[in-house]
Each structure stands twice: as structure tokens, then as C-alpha cells.
């Protein structure tokens, strides 16, 4: 999974707006997992199908409650492109969507941890700077330190 997908997923789950000019192939790993086939002459999913799949997966990450209709449609796409039965395609779709959601959750948690440590580092730096300014001011004014 790519960092671009994780940041995009974290931004979308946090309520951020993802610009359409960003990398659309960021979730190509999960789309490829959906359309894997054991048949040697299986037709590959065309660009339009991949783009629609990518958008549906992003929408499913945004709104998990509305994902059932998208998951059903994705399962139909997977069944038609891979030759799997409808039940196997539905299982594969739900597994891949769950894995993508888990990756997005992990990215969101990691972002929260990084931001927490960044805040603490900046807070400690501000404290050290103010203490050093106090010491420097006293030294400049030749005030005895206690």
C-alpha cells in the first residue's frame, strides 16, 4: 500500500477534501486485489472500471454506512471481470474493503500520534526557548541568579 493512499484515506476519513488532481492510482493495490483472476486469459479491467472502483472505494471509506450498495455493485463488477461466482466476488469485495478501511484507520492513528509528538516537541522547544531567554536576559543585565 502506498503512502499516498494512506494520506488520502486519512484525509477523507478526517473530513478533509481531497482534490481531484491528486494521484488517482494511490489505491491501485486494493483495486488490483479486487480484480485478481486465476484464469490465464482473463480480460483485464479497463481504465473506466478501475476509476469507478477507486471512487467507490474512497466513498466507502468516507461513509461506511452507505457502503452496502457500493459493495454490491463492486461485487457484480468483480464477478463479471474475473469469472468468480457472485458469492465469492462478494466475499472478496468485503475482504478488500475491510482491509482498505483498516489501512485507513491505521494511517489515521499514525497521523494522530505524529501530530501529538510534534505538539509535545514544539511545546518543549517553546519552554526551552523562554527559559534560555530568561537566563540570557539576566546575564545581560548582570542580575544574580538564584
Protein backbone atom coordinates (compact mmCIF):
# COMPACT_ATOMS: atom_id res chain seq x y z
CA UNK A 1 0.00 0.00 0.00
CA UNK A 2 1.26 3.40 -0.82
CA UNK A 3 1.76 6.39 1.38
CA UNK A 4 -0.37 8.48 -0.98
CA UNK A 5 -3.33 6.16 -0.42
CA UNK A 6 -2.89 6.29 3.34
CA UNK A 7 -2.71 10.05 3.46
CA UNK A 8 -5.66 10.33 1.10
CA UNK A 9 -7.63 7.87 3.20
CA UNK A 10 -6.69 9.65 6.41
CA UNK A 11 -7.70 12.99 4.93
CA UNK A 12 -11.03 11.65 3.72
CA UNK A 13 -11.80 9.91 7.00
CA UNK A 14 -10.90 13.05 8.93
CA UNK A 15 -13.38 15.01 6.85
CA UNK A 16 -10.86 16.69 4.62
CA UNK A 17 -11.49 17.41 0.99
CA UNK A 18 -9.29 15.52 -1.43
CA UNK A 19 -8.53 17.42 -4.60
CA UNK A 20 -9.20 15.53 -7.85
CA UNK A 21 -5.72 16.41 -9.11
CA UNK A 22 -4.12 14.12 -6.56
CA UNK A 23 -2.78 10.71 -7.50
CA UNK A 24 -5.77 8.60 -8.52
CA UNK A 25 -3.72 5.41 -8.58
CA UNK A 26 -2.98 5.67 -4.87
CA UNK A 27 -5.31 2.77 -4.09
CA UNK A 28 -4.26 0.68 -7.09
CA UNK A 29 -3.15 -2.10 -4.76
CA UNK A 30 -6.67 -2.63 -3.43
CA UNK A 31 -8.23 -2.30 -6.89
CA UNK A 32 -5.76 -4.89 -8.22
CA UNK A 33 -6.68 -7.21 -5.36
CA UNK A 34 -10.33 -6.98 -6.37
CA UNK A 35 -9.68 -7.93 -9.99
CA UNK A 36 -7.15 -10.74 -9.50
CA UNK A 37 -8.03 -13.76 -11.59
CA UNK A 38 -6.76 -17.33 -11.85
CA UNK A 39 -7.79 -17.57 -15.50
CA UNK A 40 -4.86 -17.17 -17.89
CA UNK A 41 -6.87 -15.25 -20.49
CA UNK A 42 -8.95 -13.16 -18.11
CA UNK A 43 -9.80 -9.74 -19.52
CA UNK A 44 -8.20 -7.01 -17.50
CA UNK A 45 -10.40 -4.34 -16.06
CA UNK A 46 -10.33 -1.27 -18.24
CA UNK A 47 -9.41 2.20 -17.03
CA UNK A 48 -13.01 3.37 -16.61
CA UNK A 49 -13.88 0.37 -14.44
CA UNK A 50 -10.74 0.90 -12.34
CA UNK A 51 -11.54 4.59 -11.91
CA UNK A 52 -15.12 3.83 -10.88
CA UNK A 53 -13.90 1.16 -8.48
CA UNK A 54 -11.38 3.56 -6.98
CA UNK A 55 -14.04 6.22 -6.46
CA UNK A 56 -16.44 3.75 -4.88
CA UNK A 57 -13.76 2.52 -2.51
CA UNK A 58 -12.94 6.10 -1.50
CA UNK A 59 -16.64 6.79 -0.96
CA UNK A 60 -16.96 3.62 1.12
CA UNK A 61 -14.09 4.81 3.31
CA UNK A 62 -15.82 8.16 3.75
CA UNK A 63 -19.25 6.81 4.58
CA UNK A 64 -19.22 3.23 5.83
CA UNK A 65 -22.97 3.29 6.42
CA UNK A 66 -23.68 3.84 2.69
CA UNK A 67 -21.19 1.23 1.54
CA UNK A 68 -23.64 -1.67 1.08
CA UNK A 69 -24.94 -0.56 -2.32
CA UNK A 70 -21.42 0.18 -3.50
CA UNK A 71 -20.18 -3.17 -2.21
CA UNK A 72 -22.96 -4.97 -4.09
CA UNK A 73 -22.13 -3.16 -7.31
CA UNK A 74 -18.40 -3.78 -6.82
CA UNK A 75 -19.10 -7.47 -6.27
CA UNK A 76 -21.02 -7.56 -9.56
CA UNK A 77 -18.10 -5.86 -11.34
CA UNK A 78 -15.61 -8.28 -9.81
CA UNK A 79 -17.76 -11.27 -10.76
CA UNK A 80 -18.09 -10.07 -14.36
CA UNK A 81 -14.38 -9.24 -14.80
CA UNK A 82 -12.86 -12.23 -13.01
CA UNK A 83 -15.35 -15.02 -13.62
CA UNK A 84 -15.89 -15.64 -9.92
CA UNK A 85 -19.29 -16.60 -8.59
CA UNK A 86 -21.36 -13.80 -7.07
CA UNK A 87 -20.78 -15.15 -3.53
CA UNK A 88 -17.01 -15.37 -3.98
CA UNK A 89 -16.93 -11.90 -5.52
CA UNK A 90 -18.99 -10.50 -2.63
CA UNK A 91 -16.62 -12.13 -0.13
CA UNK A 92 -13.57 -10.78 -1.94
CA UNK A 93 -15.10 -7.31 -2.11
CA UNK A 94 -15.96 -7.24 1.57
CA UNK A 95 -12.48 -8.51 2.50
CA UNK A 96 -10.72 -5.91 0.36
CA UNK A 97 -12.95 -3.09 1.62
CA UNK A 98 -12.32 -4.17 5.20
CA UNK A 99 -8.58 -4.26 4.56
CA UNK A 100 -8.67 -0.81 2.95
CA UNK A 101 -10.69 0.54 5.87
CA UNK A 102 -8.20 -0.98 8.32
CA UNK A 103 -5.31 0.62 6.43
CA UNK A 104 -7.06 3.97 6.52
CA UNK A 105 -7.71 3.59 10.26
CA UNK A 106 -4.05 2.73 10.84
CA UNK A 107 -2.98 5.78 8.85
CA UNK A 108 -5.34 7.97 10.84
CA UNK A 109 -3.99 6.63 14.14
CA UNK A 110 -0.41 7.10 12.99
CA UNK A 111 -1.17 10.66 11.91
CA UNK A 112 -2.68 11.39 15.32
CA UNK A 113 0.40 10.00 17.07
CA UNK A 114 2.75 12.02 14.88
CA UNK A 115 0.77 15.19 15.50
CA UNK A 116 0.76 14.56 19.26
CA UNK A 117 4.53 14.11 19.35
CA UNK A 118 5.01 17.15 17.13
CA UNK A 119 2.90 19.22 19.51
CA UNK A 120 4.87 17.99 22.53
CA UNK A 121 8.17 18.71 20.78
CA UNK A 122 7.08 22.23 19.91
CA UNK A 123 5.83 22.81 23.46
CA UNK A 124 9.13 21.63 24.95
CA UNK A 125 11.03 23.78 22.45
CA UNK A 126 8.97 26.85 23.42
CA UNK A 127 9.64 26.21 27.10
CA UNK A 128 13.37 25.80 26.50
CA UNK A 129 13.47 28.97 24.40
CA UNK A 130 11.69 31.02 27.06
CA UNK A 131 13.98 29.67 29.79
CA UNK A 132 17.06 30.42 27.69
CA UNK A 133 15.76 33.94 27.03
CA UNK A 134 15.27 34.46 30.77
CA UNK A 135 18.79 33.25 31.55
CA UNK A 136 20.25 35.33 28.73
CA UNK A 137 18.38 38.45 29.86
CA UNK A 138 19.61 38.05 33.42
CA UNK A 139 23.16 37.55 32.22
CA UNK A 140 22.90 40.64 30.04
CA UNK A 141 21.58 42.72 32.94
CA UNK A 142 24.09 41.18 35.40
CA UNK A 143 21.35 40.05 37.77
CA UNK A 144 22.34 37.35 40.19
CA UNK A 145 20.61 34.08 39.55
CA UNK A 146 19.05 32.28 42.44
